[in-house]
């Protein structure tokens, strides 16, 4: 019921926003909209953080979803001054994009901090053997990078559905509510996304011949 109430509230504020004119400032409506949807946004932050960026939850960052929700809301405030989503699906698609951008920015900062620390340590300590115990890296493996690139290259509808269900862990019903489609449509898009990913990444399957 909470999910349904959030969807109804978001739809109502989006309708008010669409009808806003000079006599009705849009800023207060946007603030109310984001306030009503903050719990869903926090859930999306937590799901994406733990499923796709788990290293950010570990030392030294120890990131929690509630620590980034303020930055995500601020991003949404700025974005909606220029771009006005008209449907619940468009609103949460925009939110998903800004959550990913926020997490990508934090991951880059962590990488830069790690590299700076490694350079500092290499300047004052004896060289270590690559792969020795205790040596860590935050870089993404080539295979992981390929998988992420393949997901990003999916058609928009399939990428959005795959992200909600397989990355953020939503049920088909919850994803359908966010996207404004039926559960059967969610299943159809998810099946297509999986077929496309299998085609793009078939050489990563165990026993597959390496690409030429």
C-alpha atoms as a PDB file:
ATOM      1  CA  UNK A   1       0.000   0.000   0.000  1.00  0.00           C
ATOM      2  CA  UNK A   2       2.888   2.355   0.723  1.00  0.00           C
ATOM      3  CA  UNK A   3       4.223   1.881  -2.815  1.00  0.00           C
ATOM      4  CA  UNK A   4       0.758   2.540  -4.249  1.00  0.00           C
ATOM      5  CA  UNK A   5       0.279   5.685  -2.158  1.00  0.00           C
ATOM      6  CA  UNK A   6       3.672   6.989  -3.265  1.00  0.00           C
ATOM      7  CA  UNK A   7       2.819   6.366  -6.917  1.00  0.00           C
ATOM      8  CA  UNK A   8      -0.538   8.156  -6.559  1.00  0.00           C
ATOM      9  CA  UNK A   9       1.073  11.105  -4.746  1.00  0.00           C
ATOM     10  CA  UNK A  10       3.821  11.438  -7.363  1.00  0.00           C
ATOM     11  CA  UNK A  11       1.262  11.342 -10.161  1.00  0.00           C
ATOM     12  CA  UNK A  12      -0.829  14.038  -8.469  1.00  0.00           C
ATOM     13  CA  UNK A  13       2.121  16.404  -8.025  1.00  0.00           C
ATOM     14  CA  UNK A  14       3.290  15.785 -11.585  1.00  0.00           C
ATOM     15  CA  UNK A  15      -0.177  16.799 -12.797  1.00  0.00           C
ATOM     16  CA  UNK A  16      -0.003  19.950 -10.670  1.00  0.00           C
ATOM     17  CA  UNK A  17       3.453  20.668 -12.037  1.00  0.00           C
ATOM     18  CA  UNK A  18       2.218  20.287 -15.623  1.00  0.00           C
ATOM     19  CA  UNK A  19      -0.473  22.874 -14.946  1.00  0.00           C
ATOM     20  CA  UNK A  20       1.788  25.334 -13.122  1.00  0.00           C
ATOM     21  CA  UNK A  21       1.949  28.819 -14.625  1.00  0.00           C
ATOM     22  CA  UNK A  22       3.194  32.251 -13.649  1.00  0.00           C
ATOM     23  CA  UNK A  23       0.532  32.452 -10.927  1.00  0.00           C
ATOM     24  CA  UNK A  24       1.534  29.051  -9.514  1.00  0.00           C
ATOM     25  CA  UNK A  25       5.308  28.763  -8.878  1.00  0.00           C
ATOM     26  CA  UNK A  26       6.729  25.351  -9.743  1.00  0.00           C
ATOM     27  CA  UNK A  27       9.408  25.284  -7.019  1.00  0.00           C
ATOM     28  CA  UNK A  28       7.045  24.524  -4.080  1.00  0.00           C
ATOM     29  CA  UNK A  29       5.365  21.746  -6.088  1.00  0.00           C
ATOM     30  CA  UNK A  30       8.733  20.169  -6.891  1.00  0.00           C
ATOM     31  CA  UNK A  31       9.716  20.307  -3.207  1.00  0.00           C
ATOM     32  CA  UNK A  32       6.451  18.637  -2.181  1.00  0.00           C
ATOM     33  CA  UNK A  33       6.881  16.015  -4.902  1.00  0.00           C
ATOM     34  CA  UNK A  34      10.392  15.112  -3.761  1.00  0.00           C
ATOM     35  CA  UNK A  35       9.291  15.140  -0.117  1.00  0.00           C
ATOM     36  CA  UNK A  36       6.495  12.656  -0.811  1.00  0.00           C
ATOM     37  CA  UNK A  37       8.772  10.362  -2.817  1.00  0.00           C
ATOM     38  CA  UNK A  38      11.835  10.517  -0.547  1.00  0.00           C
ATOM     39  CA  UNK A  39      11.195   7.069   0.970  1.00  0.00           C
ATOM     40  CA  UNK A  40      11.055   5.467  -2.489  1.00  0.00           C
ATOM     41  CA  UNK A  41      14.156   7.390  -3.530  1.00  0.00           C
ATOM     42  CA  UNK A  42      15.968   6.164  -0.414  1.00  0.00           C
ATOM     43  CA  UNK A  43      14.951   2.593  -1.255  1.00  0.00           C
ATOM     44  CA  UNK A  44      16.305   3.010  -4.793  1.00  0.00           C
ATOM     45  CA  UNK A  45      19.552   4.487  -3.423  1.00  0.00           C
ATOM     46  CA  UNK A  46      20.015   1.600  -0.991  1.00  0.00           C
ATOM     47  CA  UNK A  47      19.220  -1.065  -3.576  1.00  0.00           C
ATOM     48  CA  UNK A  48      21.568   0.307  -6.233  1.00  0.00           C
ATOM     49  CA  UNK A  49      24.312   1.059  -3.690  1.00  0.00           C
ATOM     50  CA  UNK A  50      24.397  -2.462  -2.242  1.00  0.00           C
ATOM     51  CA  UNK A  51      23.851  -4.342  -5.514  1.00  0.00           C
ATOM     52  CA  UNK A  52      26.154  -2.423  -7.871  1.00  0.00           C
ATOM     53  CA  UNK A  53      28.523  -0.377  -5.685  1.00  0.00           C
ATOM     54  CA  UNK A  54      29.153  -2.555  -2.603  1.00  0.00           C
ATOM     55  CA  UNK A  55      32.755  -1.353  -2.296  1.00  0.00           C
ATOM     56  CA  UNK A  56      31.422   2.116  -1.409  1.00  0.00           C
ATOM     57  CA  UNK A  57      29.777   0.616   1.686  1.00  0.00           C
ATOM     58  CA  UNK A  58      33.138  -0.685   2.894  1.00  0.00           C
ATOM     59  CA  UNK A  59      36.048   1.239   4.506  1.00  0.00           C
ATOM     60  CA  UNK A  60      37.220   3.872   4.066  1.00  0.00           C
ATOM     61  CA  UNK A  61      33.936   5.345   2.778  1.00  0.00           C
ATOM     62  CA  UNK A  62      31.371   3.212   4.662  1.00  0.00           C
ATOM     63  CA  UNK A  63      28.602   4.878   2.646  1.00  0.00           C
ATOM     64  CA  UNK A  64      24.971   4.477   3.722  1.00  0.00           C
ATOM     65  CA  UNK A  65      21.991   5.312   1.501  1.00  0.00           C
ATOM     66  CA  UNK A  66      20.702   7.977   3.882  1.00  0.00           C
ATOM     67  CA  UNK A  67      23.993   9.824   3.490  1.00  0.00           C
ATOM     68  CA  UNK A  68      23.466  10.293  -0.247  1.00  0.00           C
ATOM     69  CA  UNK A  69      19.706  10.954  -0.405  1.00  0.00           C
ATOM     70  CA  UNK A  70      20.236  14.685   0.221  1.00  0.00           C
ATOM     71  CA  UNK A  71      22.601  14.959  -2.744  1.00  0.00           C
ATOM     72  CA  UNK A  72      20.187  13.003  -4.955  1.00  0.00           C
ATOM     73  CA  UNK A  73      17.261  15.256  -3.991  1.00  0.00           C
ATOM     74  CA  UNK A  74      19.397  18.326  -4.716  1.00  0.00           C
ATOM     75  CA  UNK A  75      20.296  16.879  -8.128  1.00  0.00           C
ATOM     76  CA  UNK A  76      16.616  16.265  -8.846  1.00  0.00           C
ATOM     77  CA  UNK A  77      15.687  19.802  -7.768  1.00  0.00           C
ATOM     78  CA  UNK A  78      18.165  21.299 -10.212  1.00  0.00           C
ATOM     79  CA  UNK A  79      17.222  18.927 -13.032  1.00  0.00           C
ATOM     80  CA  UNK A  80      13.470  19.534 -12.693  1.00  0.00           C
ATOM     81  CA  UNK A  81      13.923  23.274 -13.094  1.00  0.00           C
ATOM     82  CA  UNK A  82      14.775  22.491 -16.725  1.00  0.00           C
ATOM     83  CA  UNK A  83      13.227  19.087 -17.413  1.00  0.00           C
ATOM     84  CA  UNK A  84       9.689  18.276 -16.255  1.00  0.00           C
ATOM     85  CA  UNK A  85       8.773  14.575 -16.219  1.00  0.00           C
ATOM     86  CA  UNK A  86       5.096  14.092 -17.011  1.00  0.00           C
ATOM     87  CA  UNK A  87       4.615  10.499 -15.829  1.00  0.00           C
ATOM     88  CA  UNK A  88       5.584   8.466 -12.774  1.00  0.00           C
ATOM     89  CA  UNK A  89       7.769   6.320 -15.007  1.00  0.00           C
ATOM     90  CA  UNK A  90       9.679   9.325 -16.335  1.00  0.00           C
ATOM     91  CA  UNK A  91      10.109  10.710 -12.807  1.00  0.00           C
ATOM     92  CA  UNK A  92      11.661   7.529 -11.407  1.00  0.00           C
ATOM     93  CA  UNK A  93      13.719   6.988 -14.562  1.00  0.00           C
ATOM     94  CA  UNK A  94      15.190  10.458 -13.969  1.00  0.00           C
ATOM     95  CA  UNK A  95      15.762   9.572 -10.302  1.00  0.00           C
ATOM     96  CA  UNK A  96      17.546   6.329 -11.256  1.00  0.00           C
ATOM     97  CA  UNK A  97      19.831   8.223 -13.618  1.00  0.00           C
ATOM     98  CA  UNK A  98      20.776  10.811 -10.994  1.00  0.00           C
ATOM     99  CA  UNK A  99      21.358   8.118  -8.359  1.00  0.00           C
ATOM    100  CA  UNK A 100      23.750   6.374 -10.771  1.00  0.00           C
ATOM    101  CA  UNK A 101      25.529   9.662 -11.495  1.00  0.00           C
ATOM    102  CA  UNK A 102      25.912  10.362  -7.781  1.00  0.00           C
ATOM    103  CA  UNK A 103      27.302   6.876  -7.115  1.00  0.00           C
ATOM    104  CA  UNK A 104      29.607   7.091 -10.134  1.00  0.00           C
ATOM    105  CA  UNK A 105      30.951  10.394  -8.812  1.00  0.00           C
ATOM    106  CA  UNK A 106      31.587   8.906  -5.377  1.00  0.00           C
ATOM    107  CA  UNK A 107      33.285   5.876  -6.963  1.00  0.00           C
ATOM    108  CA  UNK A 108      35.587   8.155  -8.987  1.00  0.00           C
ATOM    109  CA  UNK A 109      36.513  10.104  -5.869  1.00  0.00           C
ATOM    110  CA  UNK A 110      37.285   6.856  -4.057  1.00  0.00           C
ATOM    111  CA  UNK A 111      39.465   5.695  -6.961  1.00  0.00           C
ATOM    112  CA  UNK A 112      41.333   9.008  -7.005  1.00  0.00           C
ATOM    113  CA  UNK A 113      41.848   8.831  -3.239  1.00  0.00           C
ATOM    114  CA  UNK A 114      43.068   5.236  -3.500  1.00  0.00           C
ATOM    115  CA  UNK A 115      45.503   6.062  -6.304  1.00  0.00           C
ATOM    116  CA  UNK A 116      46.843   9.075  -4.421  1.00  0.00           C
ATOM    117  CA  UNK A 117      47.370   6.936  -1.324  1.00  0.00           C
ATOM    118  CA  UNK A 118      49.121   4.212  -3.348  1.00  0.00           C
ATOM    119  CA  UNK A 119      51.443   6.786  -4.930  1.00  0.00           C
ATOM    120  CA  UNK A 120      52.222   8.232  -1.521  1.00  0.00           C
ATOM    121  CA  UNK A 121      52.935   4.801  -0.039  1.00  0.00           C
ATOM    122  CA  UNK A 122      55.101   3.787  -3.003  1.00  0.00           C
ATOM    123  CA  UNK A 123      57.215   6.904  -2.483  1.00  0.00           C
ATOM    124  CA  UNK A 124      58.015   6.079   1.138  1.00  0.00           C
ATOM    125  CA  UNK A 125      57.949   2.278   1.168  1.00  0.00           C
ATOM    126  CA  UNK A 126      59.797  -0.492  -0.648  1.00  0.00           C
ATOM    127  CA  UNK A 127      58.078  -1.824  -3.781  1.00  0.00           C
ATOM    128  CA  UNK A 128      55.706  -4.735  -3.204  1.00  0.00           C
ATOM    129  CA  UNK A 129      55.244  -7.749  -5.406  1.00  0.00           C
ATOM    130  CA  UNK A 130      52.092  -7.557  -7.516  1.00  0.00           C
ATOM    131  CA  UNK A 131      49.409  -9.830  -6.141  1.00  0.00           C
ATOM    132  CA  UNK A 132      51.001 -10.058  -2.682  1.00  0.00           C
ATOM    133  CA  UNK A 133      48.785 -10.405   0.378  1.00  0.00           C
ATOM    134  CA  UNK A 134      47.237  -7.190   1.593  1.00  0.00           C
ATOM    135  CA  UNK A 135      47.438  -5.450  -1.795  1.00  0.00           C
ATOM    136  CA  UNK A 136      44.013  -4.146  -2.874  1.00  0.00           C
ATOM    137  CA  UNK A 137      42.609  -2.353  -5.865  1.00  0.00           C
ATOM    138  CA  UNK A 138      39.372  -0.524  -6.578  1.00  0.00           C
ATOM    139  CA  UNK A 139      39.670  -0.800 -10.344  1.00  0.00           C
ATOM    140  CA  UNK A 140      36.962  -2.576 -12.287  1.00  0.00           C
ATOM    141  CA  UNK A 141      37.976  -5.799 -14.039  1.00  0.00           C
ATOM    142  CA  UNK A 142      37.780  -5.920 -17.860  1.00  0.00           C
ATOM    143  CA  UNK A 143      34.935  -8.455 -17.723  1.00  0.00           C
ATOM    144  CA  UNK A 144      32.960  -6.343 -15.257  1.00  0.00           C
ATOM    145  CA  UNK A 145      33.485  -3.292 -17.439  1.00  0.00           C
ATOM    146  CA  UNK A 146      32.194  -5.248 -20.454  1.00  0.00           C
ATOM    147  CA  UNK A 147      29.101  -6.361 -18.539  1.00  0.00           C
ATOM    148  CA  UNK A 148      28.353  -2.800 -17.414  1.00  0.00           C
ATOM    149  CA  UNK A 149      28.861  -1.522 -20.947  1.00  0.00           C
ATOM    150  CA  UNK A 150      26.554  -4.220 -22.333  1.00  0.00           C
ATOM    151  CA  UNK A 151      23.830  -3.265 -19.842  1.00  0.00           C
ATOM    152  CA  UNK A 152      24.153   0.424 -20.720  1.00  0.00           C
ATOM    153  CA  UNK A 153      23.891  -0.429 -24.440  1.00  0.00           C
ATOM    154  CA  UNK A 154      20.495  -2.125 -24.039  1.00  0.00           C
ATOM    155  CA  UNK A 155      17.465  -0.344 -25.548  1.00  0.00           C
ATOM    156  CA  UNK A 156      16.052   2.214 -23.108  1.00  0.00           C
ATOM    157  CA  UNK A 157      12.966   0.259 -22.023  1.00  0.00           C
ATOM    158  CA  UNK A 158      14.863  -2.999 -21.551  1.00  0.00           C
ATOM    159  CA  UNK A 159      17.766  -1.267 -19.762  1.00  0.00           C
ATOM    160  CA  UNK A 160      15.394   0.483 -17.392  1.00  0.00           C
ATOM    161  CA  UNK A 161      13.509  -2.728 -16.617  1.00  0.00           C
ATOM    162  CA  UNK A 162      16.717  -4.764 -16.173  1.00  0.00           C
ATOM    163  CA  UNK A 163      18.097  -2.103 -13.806  1.00  0.00           C
ATOM    164  CA  UNK A 164      14.991  -2.071 -11.614  1.00  0.00           C
ATOM    165  CA  UNK A 165      14.563  -5.856 -11.386  1.00  0.00           C
ATOM    166  CA  UNK A 166      18.046  -7.376 -11.649  1.00  0.00           C
ATOM    167  CA  UNK A 167      20.229  -4.569 -10.264  1.00  0.00           C
ATOM    168  CA  UNK A 168      17.986  -2.818  -7.763  1.00  0.00           C
ATOM    169  CA  UNK A 169      16.132  -5.961  -6.718  1.00  0.00           C
ATOM    170  CA  UNK A 170      12.576  -4.778  -7.268  1.00  0.00           C
ATOM    171  CA  UNK A 171       9.749  -7.267  -7.705  1.00  0.00           C
ATOM    172  CA  UNK A 172       8.013  -7.355 -11.071  1.00  0.00           C
ATOM    173  CA  UNK A 173       4.985  -5.684  -9.460  1.00  0.00           C
ATOM    174  CA  UNK A 174       7.022  -2.826  -7.973  1.00  0.00           C
ATOM    175  CA  UNK A 175       8.902  -2.305 -11.241  1.00  0.00           C
ATOM    176  CA  UNK A 176       5.593  -2.272 -13.118  1.00  0.00           C
ATOM    177  CA  UNK A 177       4.291   0.447 -10.779  1.00  0.00           C
ATOM    178  CA  UNK A 178       7.399   2.571 -11.298  1.00  0.00           C
ATOM    179  CA  UNK A 179       7.324   2.124 -15.073  1.00  0.00           C
ATOM    180  CA  UNK A 180       3.569   2.483 -15.417  1.00  0.00           C
ATOM    181  CA  UNK A 181       3.188  -0.836 -17.284  1.00  0.00           C
ATOM    182  CA  UNK A 182       1.839  -4.308 -16.524  1.00  0.00           C
ATOM    183  CA  UNK A 183       3.821  -7.071 -14.843  1.00  0.00           C
ATOM    184  CA  UNK A 184       3.651  -9.049 -18.096  1.00  0.00           C
ATOM    185  CA  UNK A 185       5.323  -6.167 -19.923  1.00  0.00           C
ATOM    186  CA  UNK A 186       8.057  -6.110 -17.274  1.00  0.00           C
ATOM    187  CA  UNK A 187       8.633  -9.843 -17.796  1.00  0.00           C
ATOM    188  CA  UNK A 188       8.701  -9.449 -21.592  1.00  0.00           C
ATOM    189  CA  UNK A 189      11.222  -6.588 -21.453  1.00  0.00           C
ATOM    190  CA  UNK A 190      13.360  -8.457 -18.927  1.00  0.00           C
ATOM    191  CA  UNK A 191      13.422 -11.575 -21.128  1.00  0.00           C
ATOM    192  CA  UNK A 192      14.490  -9.505 -24.134  1.00  0.00           C
ATOM    193  CA  UNK A 193      17.203  -7.762 -22.088  1.00  0.00           C
ATOM    194  CA  UNK A 194      18.576 -11.124 -20.954  1.00  0.00           C
ATOM    195  CA  UNK A 195      18.609 -12.491 -24.514  1.00  0.00           C
ATOM    196  CA  UNK A 196      20.476  -9.417 -25.747  1.00  0.00           C
ATOM    197  CA  UNK A 197      23.019  -9.663 -22.913  1.00  0.00           C
ATOM    198  CA  UNK A 198      23.604 -13.359 -23.602  1.00  0.00           C
ATOM    199  CA  UNK A 199      24.323 -12.516 -27.248  1.00  0.00           C
ATOM    200  CA  UNK A 200      26.747  -9.717 -26.326  1.00  0.00           C
ATOM    201  CA  UNK A 201      28.525 -11.639 -23.562  1.00  0.00           C
ATOM    202  CA  UNK A 202      28.375 -15.242 -24.771  1.00  0.00           C
ATOM    203  CA  UNK A 203      32.187 -15.517 -24.795  1.00  0.00           C
ATOM    204  CA  UNK A 204      32.209 -14.985 -20.993  1.00  0.00           C
ATOM    205  CA  UNK A 205      30.273 -18.189 -20.368  1.00  0.00           C
ATOM    206  CA  UNK A 206      32.362 -21.002 -18.818  1.00  0.00           C
ATOM    207  CA  UNK A 207      34.031 -23.075 -21.523  1.00  0.00           C
ATOM    208  CA  UNK A 208      33.349 -20.549 -24.262  1.00  0.00           C
ATOM    209  CA  UNK A 209      36.101 -19.850 -26.754  1.00  0.00           C
ATOM    210  CA  UNK A 210      37.748 -16.449 -26.329  1.00  0.00           C
ATOM    211  CA  UNK A 211      36.745 -13.761 -28.853  1.00  0.00           C
ATOM    212  CA  UNK A 212      38.953 -13.408 -31.925  1.00  0.00           C
END
